[in-house]
Amino acid sequence: MYVINLRYTGALAEIDDALGAHRLFLERQFAAGIFIAAGPKVPRDGGIILASGIDRDRLDSILAEDPFAAQKLAHYEVIEFKATRLAPGLNLPSPADA
């Protein structure tokens, strides 16, 4: 599982201009079962994405397709961890489901 910490490097006006394309990118990854949560940070200086069921090299390739990456509007820090405990009722997709 991965925590992807996006830190904006562009001006918020540039981020807002690319936001529609970024959201379409997110939708595709949610539909593929790779992203399991995403949203802006507070204060709005970036965002967080949770990803599961994918190897790191493939994840890096996917993140390079993000319009924020293509336009050099964000820096991505990827942190991998093994989820050994989940809240009751929370199920992560298995790699076979992704």
Protein backbone atom coordinates (compact mmCIF):
# COMPACT_ATOMS: atom_id res chain seq x y z
CA MET A 1 0.00 0.00 0.00
CA TYR A 2 1.19 3.52 -0.70
CA VAL A 3 0.62 7.00 0.63
CA ILE A 4 1.32 9.55 -2.11
CA ASN A 5 1.94 13.04 -0.75
CA LEU A 6 1.58 15.72 -3.43
CA ARG A 7 3.10 19.11 -2.72
CA TYR A 8 2.13 21.83 -5.15
CA THR A 9 5.03 23.54 -6.86
CA GLY A 10 2.90 25.71 -9.12
CA ALA A 11 0.73 28.69 -8.27
CA LEU A 12 -2.83 27.90 -7.15
CA ALA A 13 -4.16 29.54 -10.32
CA GLU A 14 -2.14 27.00 -12.36
CA ILE A 15 -3.36 24.17 -10.11
CA ASP A 16 -6.96 25.29 -10.61
CA ASP A 17 -6.46 25.38 -14.40
CA ALA A 18 -5.25 21.76 -14.39
CA LEU A 19 -7.73 20.50 -11.77
CA GLY A 20 -10.32 19.16 -14.22
CA ALA A 21 -7.74 17.05 -16.04
CA HIS A 22 -6.27 15.89 -12.71
CA ARG A 23 -9.72 14.77 -11.53
CA LEU A 24 -10.23 12.76 -14.75
CA PHE A 25 -6.85 11.14 -14.11
CA LEU A 26 -7.98 10.25 -10.56
CA GLU A 27 -11.29 8.82 -11.85
CA ARG A 28 -9.44 6.49 -14.23
CA GLN A 29 -7.23 5.18 -11.42
CA PHE A 30 -10.19 4.69 -9.07
CA ALA A 31 -12.03 2.78 -11.83
CA ALA A 32 -8.94 0.60 -12.31
CA GLY A 33 -8.94 -0.22 -8.58
CA ILE A 34 -5.51 1.33 -7.97
CA PHE A 35 -6.43 4.46 -6.01
CA ILE A 36 -8.58 3.88 -2.93
CA ALA A 37 -8.74 7.39 -1.44
CA ALA A 38 -7.71 10.90 -2.50
CA GLY A 39 -8.25 14.49 -1.48
CA PRO A 40 -6.69 17.90 -0.88
CA LYS A 41 -4.58 18.69 2.16
CA VAL A 42 -5.59 21.38 4.64
CA PRO A 43 -4.21 23.96 4.15
CA ARG A 44 -4.43 23.57 0.38
CA ASP A 45 -0.76 23.10 -0.47
CA GLY A 46 -1.13 19.67 -2.08
CA GLY A 47 -3.05 16.44 -1.75
CA ILE A 48 -2.93 12.86 -0.55
CA ILE A 49 -3.64 9.69 -2.55
CA LEU A 50 -3.81 6.15 -1.17
CA ALA A 51 -2.98 3.37 -3.62
CA SER A 52 -3.04 -0.40 -3.26
CA GLY A 53 -2.55 -3.59 -5.25
CA ILE A 54 0.22 -2.36 -7.56
CA ASP A 55 3.99 -2.56 -7.72
CA ARG A 56 6.09 0.56 -7.27
CA ASP A 57 7.40 0.79 -10.83
CA ARG A 58 3.87 0.68 -12.27
CA LEU A 59 2.70 3.25 -9.71
CA ASP A 60 5.53 5.60 -10.71
CA SER A 61 4.49 5.25 -14.37
CA ILE A 62 0.88 6.05 -13.50
CA LEU A 63 1.83 9.10 -11.43
CA ALA A 64 3.90 10.41 -14.35
CA GLU A 65 0.62 10.51 -16.34
CA ASP A 66 -1.02 12.90 -13.85
CA PRO A 67 -1.54 16.30 -15.49
CA PHE A 68 0.00 17.89 -12.38
CA ALA A 69 3.17 15.89 -13.08
CA ALA A 70 3.13 16.54 -16.83
CA GLN A 71 2.85 20.29 -16.19
CA LYS A 72 5.39 20.18 -13.34
CA LEU A 73 2.83 21.56 -10.89
CA ALA A 74 3.44 19.08 -8.06
CA HIS A 75 6.17 17.08 -6.36
CA TYR A 76 5.28 13.49 -5.42
CA GLU A 77 6.56 11.71 -2.31
CA VAL A 78 5.62 8.02 -2.32
CA ILE A 79 5.68 6.13 0.98
CA GLU A 80 5.13 2.37 0.93
CA PHE A 81 3.81 0.53 3.95
CA LYS A 82 2.22 -2.80 4.82
CA ALA A 83 -1.27 -2.40 6.26
CA THR A 84 -1.39 -4.98 9.04
CA ARG A 85 -4.52 -3.64 10.74
CA LEU A 86 -7.72 -2.23 9.31
CA ALA A 87 -10.73 -0.67 10.99
CA PRO A 88 -13.73 -3.01 11.24
CA GLY A 89 -15.61 -3.08 7.96
CA LEU A 90 -12.70 -1.70 5.91
CA ASN A 91 -11.49 -4.02 3.16
CA LEU A 92 -8.65 -3.25 0.79
CA PRO A 93 -8.76 -4.56 -2.77
CA SER A 94 -6.49 -7.54 -3.25
CA PRO A 95 -3.94 -7.49 -6.11
CA ALA A 96 -6.19 -9.97 -7.97
CA ASP A 97 -9.07 -7.46 -7.78
CA ALA A 98 -7.01 -4.59 -9.19
